Amino acid sequence: MTFKECKKEEKADREFQKKFKFEGNINVLTQMMVDPAATEKRGGGKNLPLRRGEILDVIQFTNEEQILCRNSQRRYGYVPRAVMLHL
């Protein structure tokens, strides 16, 4: 990874921590897959856009209905638990 890419990722992580009021280090708890039968959704606000079969990094299990995740483009957002499958 180049120095420029590293700085870009650090900036994205800081913005995530500010937007979601997340304190501490960003640790990936596990990886989960979006249900291939789920409908694709556009992201908006604090929600992450969903693509069928996409593998997401789980950052935090926030409540009974949502999970805070990161996708392969290093974008963060909430995802409904109902559309997530364990790998």
C-alpha atoms as a PDB file:
ATOM      1  CA  MET A   1       0.000   0.000   0.000  1.00  0.00           C
ATOM      2  CA  THR A   2       1.363   3.410  -0.911  1.00  0.00           C
ATOM      3  CA  PHE A   3       1.663   6.308   1.490  1.00  0.00           C
ATOM      4  CA  LYS A   4      -1.126   8.155  -0.321  1.00  0.00           C
ATOM      5  CA  GLU A   5      -3.522   5.185  -0.044  1.00  0.00           C
ATOM      6  CA  CYS A   6      -2.681   4.790   3.636  1.00  0.00           C
ATOM      7  CA  LYS A   7      -3.481   8.447   4.337  1.00  0.00           C
ATOM      8  CA  LYS A   8      -6.744   8.150   2.398  1.00  0.00           C
ATOM      9  CA  GLU A   9      -7.811   5.142   4.498  1.00  0.00           C
ATOM     10  CA  GLU A  10      -6.904   6.931   7.740  1.00  0.00           C
ATOM     11  CA  LYS A  11      -9.020   9.916   6.685  1.00  0.00           C
ATOM     12  CA  ALA A  12     -11.985   7.646   5.831  1.00  0.00           C
ATOM     13  CA  ASP A  13     -11.673   5.938   9.239  1.00  0.00           C
ATOM     14  CA  ARG A  14     -11.648   9.304  11.050  1.00  0.00           C
ATOM     15  CA  GLU A  15     -14.732  10.436   9.132  1.00  0.00           C
ATOM     16  CA  PHE A  16     -16.468   7.159  10.030  1.00  0.00           C
ATOM     17  CA  GLN A  17     -15.666   7.590  13.719  1.00  0.00           C
ATOM     18  CA  LYS A  18     -17.036  11.123  13.682  1.00  0.00           C
ATOM     19  CA  LYS A  19     -20.205  10.291  11.715  1.00  0.00           C
ATOM     20  CA  PHE A  20     -21.131   7.225  13.781  1.00  0.00           C
ATOM     21  CA  LYS A  21     -19.754   8.509  17.111  1.00  0.00           C
ATOM     22  CA  PHE A  22     -17.533   5.410  17.244  1.00  0.00           C
ATOM     23  CA  GLU A  23     -14.751   5.467  19.824  1.00  0.00           C
ATOM     24  CA  GLY A  24     -11.649   3.312  19.910  1.00  0.00           C
ATOM     25  CA  ASN A  25      -9.996   1.181  17.275  1.00  0.00           C
ATOM     26  CA  ILE A  26     -11.922  -0.159  14.312  1.00  0.00           C
ATOM     27  CA  ASN A  27     -11.779  -3.944  14.653  1.00  0.00           C
ATOM     28  CA  VAL A  28     -13.472  -6.411  12.330  1.00  0.00           C
ATOM     29  CA  LEU A  29     -15.478  -8.832  14.483  1.00  0.00           C
ATOM     30  CA  THR A  30     -16.454 -11.209  11.682  1.00  0.00           C
ATOM     31  CA  GLN A  31     -17.511 -11.310   8.060  1.00  0.00           C
ATOM     32  CA  MET A  32     -21.059 -11.889   6.887  1.00  0.00           C
ATOM     33  CA  MET A  33     -22.716 -12.163   3.502  1.00  0.00           C
ATOM     34  CA  VAL A  34     -25.745 -10.285   2.215  1.00  0.00           C
ATOM     35  CA  ASP A  35     -28.492 -12.810   1.452  1.00  0.00           C
ATOM     36  CA  PRO A  36     -28.504 -13.599  -2.298  1.00  0.00           C
ATOM     37  CA  ALA A  37     -32.317 -13.599  -2.182  1.00  0.00           C
ATOM     38  CA  ALA A  38     -32.511 -10.125  -0.618  1.00  0.00           C
ATOM     39  CA  THR A  39     -33.490  -7.108  -2.673  1.00  0.00           C
ATOM     40  CA  GLU A  40     -30.680  -4.720  -3.494  1.00  0.00           C
ATOM     41  CA  LYS A  41     -31.002  -1.361  -1.763  1.00  0.00           C
ATOM     42  CA  ARG A  42     -29.415   1.986  -2.333  1.00  0.00           C
ATOM     43  CA  GLY A  43     -27.612   3.458   0.612  1.00  0.00           C
ATOM     44  CA  GLY A  44     -28.629   6.700   2.147  1.00  0.00           C
ATOM     45  CA  GLY A  45     -27.814   8.630   5.264  1.00  0.00           C
ATOM     46  CA  LYS A  46     -26.139   6.126   7.542  1.00  0.00           C
ATOM     47  CA  ASN A  47     -27.282   3.021   5.648  1.00  0.00           C
ATOM     48  CA  LEU A  48     -24.880   1.016   3.522  1.00  0.00           C
ATOM     49  CA  PRO A  49     -25.910   0.141  -0.062  1.00  0.00           C
ATOM     50  CA  LEU A  50     -26.620  -3.580  -0.390  1.00  0.00           C
ATOM     51  CA  ARG A  51     -25.658  -5.915  -3.221  1.00  0.00           C
ATOM     52  CA  ARG A  52     -26.723  -9.557  -3.276  1.00  0.00           C
ATOM     53  CA  GLY A  53     -24.008 -11.963  -2.166  1.00  0.00           C
ATOM     54  CA  GLU A  54     -21.637  -9.185  -1.052  1.00  0.00           C
ATOM     55  CA  ILE A  55     -19.238 -10.017   1.802  1.00  0.00           C
ATOM     56  CA  LEU A  56     -19.202  -7.338   4.519  1.00  0.00           C
ATOM     57  CA  ASP A  57     -16.894  -6.790   7.498  1.00  0.00           C
ATOM     58  CA  VAL A  58     -18.889  -6.531  10.734  1.00  0.00           C
ATOM     59  CA  ILE A  59     -17.611  -3.682  12.906  1.00  0.00           C
ATOM     60  CA  GLN A  60     -20.290  -3.675  15.626  1.00  0.00           C
ATOM     61  CA  PHE A  61     -23.527  -5.465  16.479  1.00  0.00           C
ATOM     62  CA  THR A  62     -25.462  -2.293  17.331  1.00  0.00           C
ATOM     63  CA  ASN A  63     -28.920  -3.614  18.248  1.00  0.00           C
ATOM     64  CA  GLU A  64     -31.454  -6.346  17.462  1.00  0.00           C
ATOM     65  CA  GLU A  65     -32.243  -4.876  14.033  1.00  0.00           C
ATOM     66  CA  GLN A  66     -28.995  -3.446  12.621  1.00  0.00           C
ATOM     67  CA  ILE A  67     -25.295  -4.182  12.247  1.00  0.00           C
ATOM     68  CA  LEU A  68     -22.576  -1.634  11.580  1.00  0.00           C
ATOM     69  CA  CYS A  69     -20.576  -2.892   8.580  1.00  0.00           C
ATOM     70  CA  ARG A  70     -17.854  -1.980   6.080  1.00  0.00           C
ATOM     71  CA  ASN A  71     -17.916  -3.017   2.426  1.00  0.00           C
ATOM     72  CA  SER A  72     -15.048  -3.717   0.036  1.00  0.00           C
ATOM     73  CA  GLN A  73     -14.873  -0.030  -0.969  1.00  0.00           C
ATOM     74  CA  ARG A  74     -14.209   0.840   2.711  1.00  0.00           C
ATOM     75  CA  ARG A  75     -17.605   2.535   3.050  1.00  0.00           C
ATOM     76  CA  TYR A  76     -19.347   2.211   6.403  1.00  0.00           C
ATOM     77  CA  GLY A  77     -23.014   2.022   7.305  1.00  0.00           C
ATOM     78  CA  TYR A  78     -25.850   0.179   8.960  1.00  0.00           C
ATOM     79  CA  VAL A  79     -27.235  -3.034   7.461  1.00  0.00           C
ATOM     80  CA  PRO A  80     -30.453  -4.808   8.558  1.00  0.00           C
ATOM     81  CA  ARG A  81     -29.742  -8.086  10.378  1.00  0.00           C
ATOM     82  CA  ALA A  82     -32.572  -9.749   8.481  1.00  0.00           C
ATOM     83  CA  VAL A  83     -30.585  -9.734   5.212  1.00  0.00           C
ATOM     84  CA  MET A  84     -27.289 -10.995   6.671  1.00  0.00           C
ATOM     85  CA  LEU A  85     -26.046 -14.604   6.607  1.00  0.00           C
ATOM     86  CA  HIS A  86     -23.134 -16.114   8.533  1.00  0.00           C
ATOM     87  CA  LEU A  87     -20.298 -17.462   6.427  1.00  0.00           C
END
